[in-house]
Structure formats: C-alpha cells, structure tokens
Amino acid sequence: MGALGASGATGAMGARKAREVLQRWNIPDDSVVMADGSGLSRYNYVTSEALVRILQVMRGEARHAPFVESLPVAGRDGTLARRLAGTAAEGKVRAKTGTVDNVRAIAGYVETADGDTLVFSMIANNFTVASGVIDAAADQALIRLATFTTR
C-alpha cells in the first residue's frame, strides 16, 4: 500500500480513480501504465492515441475549459514561450511538453489556417540525436498543421 497523503489518500487510490475516469472516456487499459502518481517515473507510460483522446474529452466538456485555457501558448508563455515564435504556428498552438531522459513529448491543440482546432500528440522515445533535433521536427509538424487548409 502507498503512503498516505495529507487527505488520507494513497497513490494506489489515485491510480484507481484515474483508471475509472479513463474507462469512462473509452481509453483502453493497455494504453496507460501508471507506476505512481508523480508523472515523472520512467515506469509511467501513455500512448499518443490515449493523450489525443484525453485532450478531445477535455476540450469537448465545458467544465474542463480552465484546463484547456491554462496550457502554454506557442511563442508567448510557459514552456512554449520560445518555441514557434515568429512562425505561422505562433499563438495557434496550446500544448504541454514533457521530457525525461531520451523522451520528448508535446501534446495539445493547434488551430489551422481555416480556424479549425486539431488535437495532436507527438512522443519520441529512445532517440540518438540531440533533443533539439526532435523538438525541431515536432515544431515543423506543428507549423504544417497551423498552415493546413481544406479550402
């Protein structure tokens, strides 16, 4: 059993509750592995597909609007303050980044040239190039999405 938090809750209790929510959101059990509640363990895993589904639900339910609005904006603030600045994606991407050794991730929302909102997730694992190369590739993909048009 995990250590009790200030409220008497344990990490196991939190993981159980999270699994219940993910099941309600139709996220397959095998797409998320929660070793602990920190989000920093090398033993926590999530698929891009699961992240996209979570982000779709968060955007689709008005009660989650504060979460969506809290995400950093490309070229403006937070972890994205310097990323995509001066590009077509500046101000059009709201996303969260994630990093641990040899893992780079970015997931969130991008507004297309048509004004549509797309949900995205990109995760790179066990790469052998500099992390800046990974970030640059993700940024190029986001610029393409921000300039995408169907008209």
C-alpha atoms as a PDB file:
ATOM      1  CA  MET A   1       0.000   0.000   0.000  1.00  0.00           C
ATOM      2  CA  GLY A   2       1.248   3.505  -0.793  1.00  0.00           C
ATOM      3  CA  ALA A   3       1.981   6.202   1.743  1.00  0.00           C
ATOM      4  CA  LEU A   4      -0.962   8.217   2.960  1.00  0.00           C
ATOM      5  CA  GLY A   5      -1.222  11.791   1.731  1.00  0.00           C
ATOM      6  CA  ALA A   6      -2.470  14.667   3.861  1.00  0.00           C
ATOM      7  CA  SER A   7      -6.061  13.732   2.955  1.00  0.00           C
ATOM      8  CA  GLY A   8      -5.569  10.039   3.805  1.00  0.00           C
ATOM      9  CA  ALA A   9      -5.467   9.112   0.108  1.00  0.00           C
ATOM     10  CA  THR A  10      -2.807   6.840  -1.344  1.00  0.00           C
ATOM     11  CA  GLY A  11      -1.161   6.741  -4.737  1.00  0.00           C
ATOM     12  CA  ALA A  12      -2.954   3.445  -5.375  1.00  0.00           C
ATOM     13  CA  MET A  13      -6.297   5.090  -4.636  1.00  0.00           C
ATOM     14  CA  GLY A  14      -5.480   7.909  -7.052  1.00  0.00           C
ATOM     15  CA  ALA A  15      -4.436   5.476  -9.770  1.00  0.00           C
ATOM     16  CA  ARG A  16      -7.663   3.517  -9.286  1.00  0.00           C
ATOM     17  CA  LYS A  17      -9.740   6.694  -9.644  1.00  0.00           C
ATOM     18  CA  ALA A  18      -7.786   7.754 -12.723  1.00  0.00           C
ATOM     19  CA  ARG A  19      -8.428   4.332 -14.303  1.00  0.00           C
ATOM     20  CA  GLU A  20     -12.162   4.726 -13.667  1.00  0.00           C
ATOM     21  CA  VAL A  21     -12.166   8.079 -15.449  1.00  0.00           C
ATOM     22  CA  LEU A  22     -10.104   6.752 -18.360  1.00  0.00           C
ATOM     23  CA  GLN A  23     -12.500   3.824 -18.761  1.00  0.00           C
ATOM     24  CA  ARG A  24     -15.471   6.235 -18.899  1.00  0.00           C
ATOM     25  CA  TRP A  25     -13.604   8.128 -21.615  1.00  0.00           C
ATOM     26  CA  ASN A  26     -13.127   4.907 -23.628  1.00  0.00           C
ATOM     27  CA  ILE A  27      -9.371   4.867 -23.266  1.00  0.00           C
ATOM     28  CA  PRO A  28      -8.060   1.289 -23.450  1.00  0.00           C
ATOM     29  CA  ASP A  29      -6.460  -0.041 -20.257  1.00  0.00           C
ATOM     30  CA  ASP A  30      -3.324  -1.052 -22.129  1.00  0.00           C
ATOM     31  CA  SER A  31      -2.673   2.478 -23.418  1.00  0.00           C
ATOM     32  CA  VAL A  32      -1.776   3.899 -19.986  1.00  0.00           C
ATOM     33  CA  VAL A  33       0.556   2.450 -17.361  1.00  0.00           C
ATOM     34  CA  MET A  34       0.629   4.289 -14.028  1.00  0.00           C
ATOM     35  CA  ALA A  35       3.531   3.248 -11.830  1.00  0.00           C
ATOM     36  CA  ASP A  36       2.956   6.168  -9.491  1.00  0.00           C
ATOM     37  CA  GLY A  37       1.067   9.430  -9.377  1.00  0.00           C
ATOM     38  CA  SER A  38       4.027  11.745  -9.967  1.00  0.00           C
ATOM     39  CA  GLY A  39       4.052  11.644 -13.749  1.00  0.00           C
ATOM     40  CA  LEU A  40       7.851  11.596 -13.532  1.00  0.00           C
ATOM     41  CA  SER A  41       8.535   7.895 -13.168  1.00  0.00           C
ATOM     42  CA  ARG A  42      10.343   6.140 -16.019  1.00  0.00           C
ATOM     43  CA  TYR A  43       7.776   3.403 -15.464  1.00  0.00           C
ATOM     44  CA  ASN A  44       4.740   5.545 -16.372  1.00  0.00           C
ATOM     45  CA  TYR A  45       3.694   5.108 -19.990  1.00  0.00           C
ATOM     46  CA  VAL A  46       0.992   6.588 -22.194  1.00  0.00           C
ATOM     47  CA  THR A  47       0.308   6.305 -25.901  1.00  0.00           C
ATOM     48  CA  SER A  48      -0.185   9.280 -28.182  1.00  0.00           C
ATOM     49  CA  GLU A  49      -3.612   7.883 -29.004  1.00  0.00           C
ATOM     50  CA  ALA A  50      -4.604   7.967 -25.320  1.00  0.00           C
ATOM     51  CA  LEU A  51      -3.338  11.544 -24.962  1.00  0.00           C
ATOM     52  CA  VAL A  52      -5.338  12.634 -28.003  1.00  0.00           C
ATOM     53  CA  ARG A  53      -8.487  11.035 -26.620  1.00  0.00           C
ATOM     54  CA  ILE A  54      -7.978  12.685 -23.221  1.00  0.00           C
ATOM     55  CA  LEU A  55      -7.456  16.060 -24.900  1.00  0.00           C
ATOM     56  CA  GLN A  56     -10.566  15.564 -27.047  1.00  0.00           C
ATOM     57  CA  VAL A  57     -12.668  14.916 -23.959  1.00  0.00           C
ATOM     58  CA  MET A  58     -11.125  17.859 -22.107  1.00  0.00           C
ATOM     59  CA  ARG A  59     -11.910  20.225 -24.982  1.00  0.00           C
ATOM     60  CA  GLY A  60     -15.387  18.789 -25.503  1.00  0.00           C
ATOM     61  CA  GLU A  61     -16.630  19.317 -21.936  1.00  0.00           C
ATOM     62  CA  ALA A  62     -17.200  22.917 -20.814  1.00  0.00           C
ATOM     63  CA  ARG A  63     -16.214  22.113 -17.226  1.00  0.00           C
ATOM     64  CA  HIS A  64     -12.662  21.429 -18.450  1.00  0.00           C
ATOM     65  CA  ALA A  65     -12.297  24.794 -20.229  1.00  0.00           C
ATOM     66  CA  PRO A  66      -9.980  26.145 -17.485  1.00  0.00           C
ATOM     67  CA  PHE A  67      -7.569  23.276 -18.208  1.00  0.00           C
ATOM     68  CA  VAL A  68      -7.530  23.997 -21.935  1.00  0.00           C
ATOM     69  CA  GLU A  69      -7.048  27.722 -21.307  1.00  0.00           C
ATOM     70  CA  SER A  70      -4.192  27.030 -18.868  1.00  0.00           C
ATOM     71  CA  LEU A  71      -1.992  25.369 -21.493  1.00  0.00           C
ATOM     72  CA  PRO A  72       1.013  27.393 -22.652  1.00  0.00           C
ATOM     73  CA  VAL A  73       0.640  29.221 -25.968  1.00  0.00           C
ATOM     74  CA  ALA A  74       3.350  28.827 -28.606  1.00  0.00           C
ATOM     75  CA  GLY A  75       5.660  31.817 -28.849  1.00  0.00           C
ATOM     76  CA  ARG A  76       4.029  33.504 -25.882  1.00  0.00           C
ATOM     77  CA  ASP A  77       4.299  31.797 -22.498  1.00  0.00           C
ATOM     78  CA  GLY A  78       5.320  28.870 -20.341  1.00  0.00           C
ATOM     79  CA  THR A  79       7.350  26.045 -21.819  1.00  0.00           C
ATOM     80  CA  LEU A  80       6.379  27.251 -25.303  1.00  0.00           C
ATOM     81  CA  ALA A  81       7.448  30.884 -24.862  1.00  0.00           C
ATOM     82  CA  ARG A  82      10.409  30.480 -27.228  1.00  0.00           C
ATOM     83  CA  ARG A  83       9.077  27.655 -29.358  1.00  0.00           C
ATOM     84  CA  LEU A  84       7.432  28.521 -32.668  1.00  0.00           C
ATOM     85  CA  ALA A  85       7.941  32.257 -32.114  1.00  0.00           C
ATOM     86  CA  GLY A  86       7.869  34.107 -35.421  1.00  0.00           C
ATOM     87  CA  THR A  87       6.294  31.199 -37.300  1.00  0.00           C
ATOM     88  CA  ALA A  88       2.798  30.598 -38.628  1.00  0.00           C
ATOM     89  CA  ALA A  89       2.137  28.491 -35.524  1.00  0.00           C
ATOM     90  CA  GLU A  90       2.834  31.285 -33.025  1.00  0.00           C
ATOM     91  CA  GLY A  91      -0.300  31.875 -30.973  1.00  0.00           C
ATOM     92  CA  LYS A  92      -2.061  28.961 -32.672  1.00  0.00           C
ATOM     93  CA  VAL A  93      -0.716  26.105 -30.529  1.00  0.00           C
ATOM     94  CA  ARG A  94      -1.742  25.401 -26.917  1.00  0.00           C
ATOM     95  CA  ALA A  95       0.207  22.462 -25.594  1.00  0.00           C
ATOM     96  CA  LYS A  96       2.064  20.744 -22.788  1.00  0.00           C
ATOM     97  CA  THR A  97       5.585  19.472 -23.224  1.00  0.00           C
ATOM     98  CA  GLY A  98       7.129  16.569 -21.384  1.00  0.00           C
ATOM     99  CA  THR A  99      10.723  15.425 -21.024  1.00  0.00           C
ATOM    100  CA  VAL A 100      12.692  12.727 -19.274  1.00  0.00           C
ATOM    101  CA  ASP A 101      15.949  11.114 -20.401  1.00  0.00           C
ATOM    102  CA  ASN A 102      15.651  10.257 -24.110  1.00  0.00           C
ATOM    103  CA  VAL A 103      11.955  11.140 -24.242  1.00  0.00           C
ATOM    104  CA  ARG A 104      10.464  14.323 -25.704  1.00  0.00           C
ATOM    105  CA  ALA A 105       6.740  14.880 -25.946  1.00  0.00           C
ATOM    106  CA  ILE A 106       4.315  17.612 -26.880  1.00  0.00           C
ATOM    107  CA  ALA A 107       0.538  17.307 -26.937  1.00  0.00           C
ATOM    108  CA  GLY A 108      -2.302  19.770 -27.223  1.00  0.00           C
ATOM    109  CA  TYR A 109      -4.301  21.762 -29.717  1.00  0.00           C
ATOM    110  CA  VAL A 110      -3.437  23.607 -32.909  1.00  0.00           C
ATOM    111  CA  GLU A 111      -5.628  25.997 -34.857  1.00  0.00           C
ATOM    112  CA  THR A 112      -5.446  25.505 -38.629  1.00  0.00           C
ATOM    113  CA  ALA A 113      -5.449  28.257 -41.239  1.00  0.00           C
ATOM    114  CA  ASP A 114      -9.183  27.543 -41.665  1.00  0.00           C
ATOM    115  CA  GLY A 115      -9.807  28.173 -37.958  1.00  0.00           C
ATOM    116  CA  ASP A 116     -10.433  24.521 -37.132  1.00  0.00           C
ATOM    117  CA  THR A 117      -8.925  23.052 -33.977  1.00  0.00           C
ATOM    118  CA  LEU A 118      -6.922  19.838 -34.258  1.00  0.00           C
ATOM    119  CA  VAL A 119      -5.819  17.701 -31.330  1.00  0.00           C
ATOM    120  CA  PHE A 120      -2.291  16.285 -31.529  1.00  0.00           C
ATOM    121  CA  SER A 121       0.285  14.281 -29.623  1.00  0.00           C
ATOM    122  CA  MET A 122       3.892  13.598 -30.574  1.00  0.00           C
ATOM    123  CA  ILE A 123       6.184  11.424 -28.494  1.00  0.00           C
ATOM    124  CA  ALA A 124       9.781  10.496 -29.317  1.00  0.00           C
ATOM    125  CA  ASN A 125      11.410   7.696 -27.309  1.00  0.00           C
ATOM    126  CA  ASN A 126      14.975   6.382 -27.161  1.00  0.00           C
ATOM    127  CA  PHE A 127      16.336   8.711 -29.825  1.00  0.00           C
ATOM    128  CA  THR A 128      20.046   9.023 -30.563  1.00  0.00           C
ATOM    129  CA  VAL A 129      20.138  12.601 -31.850  1.00  0.00           C
ATOM    130  CA  ALA A 130      20.190  15.834 -29.872  1.00  0.00           C
ATOM    131  CA  SER A 131      16.857  16.689 -28.244  1.00  0.00           C
ATOM    132  CA  GLY A 132      16.813  19.930 -30.245  1.00  0.00           C
ATOM    133  CA  VAL A 133      16.519  17.877 -33.434  1.00  0.00           C
ATOM    134  CA  ILE A 134      13.423  16.171 -32.026  1.00  0.00           C
ATOM    135  CA  ASP A 135      11.892  19.496 -30.966  1.00  0.00           C
ATOM    136  CA  ALA A 136      12.612  20.997 -34.400  1.00  0.00           C
ATOM    137  CA  ALA A 137      10.865  18.083 -36.146  1.00  0.00           C
ATOM    138  CA  ALA A 138       7.817  18.459 -33.884  1.00  0.00           C
ATOM    139  CA  ASP A 139       7.813  22.217 -34.492  1.00  0.00           C
ATOM    140  CA  GLN A 140       7.890  21.696 -38.264  1.00  0.00           C
ATOM    141  CA  ALA A 141       4.908  19.351 -37.990  1.00  0.00           C
ATOM    142  CA  LEU A 142       3.029  21.951 -35.922  1.00  0.00           C
ATOM    143  CA  ILE A 143       3.772  24.685 -38.465  1.00  0.00           C
ATOM    144  CA  ARG A 144       2.359  22.441 -41.190  1.00  0.00           C
ATOM    145  CA  LEU A 145      -0.771  21.813 -39.131  1.00  0.00           C
ATOM    146  CA  ALA A 146      -1.174  25.535 -38.377  1.00  0.00           C
ATOM    147  CA  THR A 147      -0.999  26.342 -42.089  1.00  0.00           C
ATOM    148  CA  PHE A 148      -3.240  23.450 -43.143  1.00  0.00           C
ATOM    149  CA  THR A 149      -6.316  24.369 -45.132  1.00  0.00           C
ATOM    150  CA  THR A 150      -9.045  22.393 -46.850  1.00  0.00           C
ATOM    151  CA  ARG A 151     -10.324  25.402 -48.779  1.00  0.00           C
END
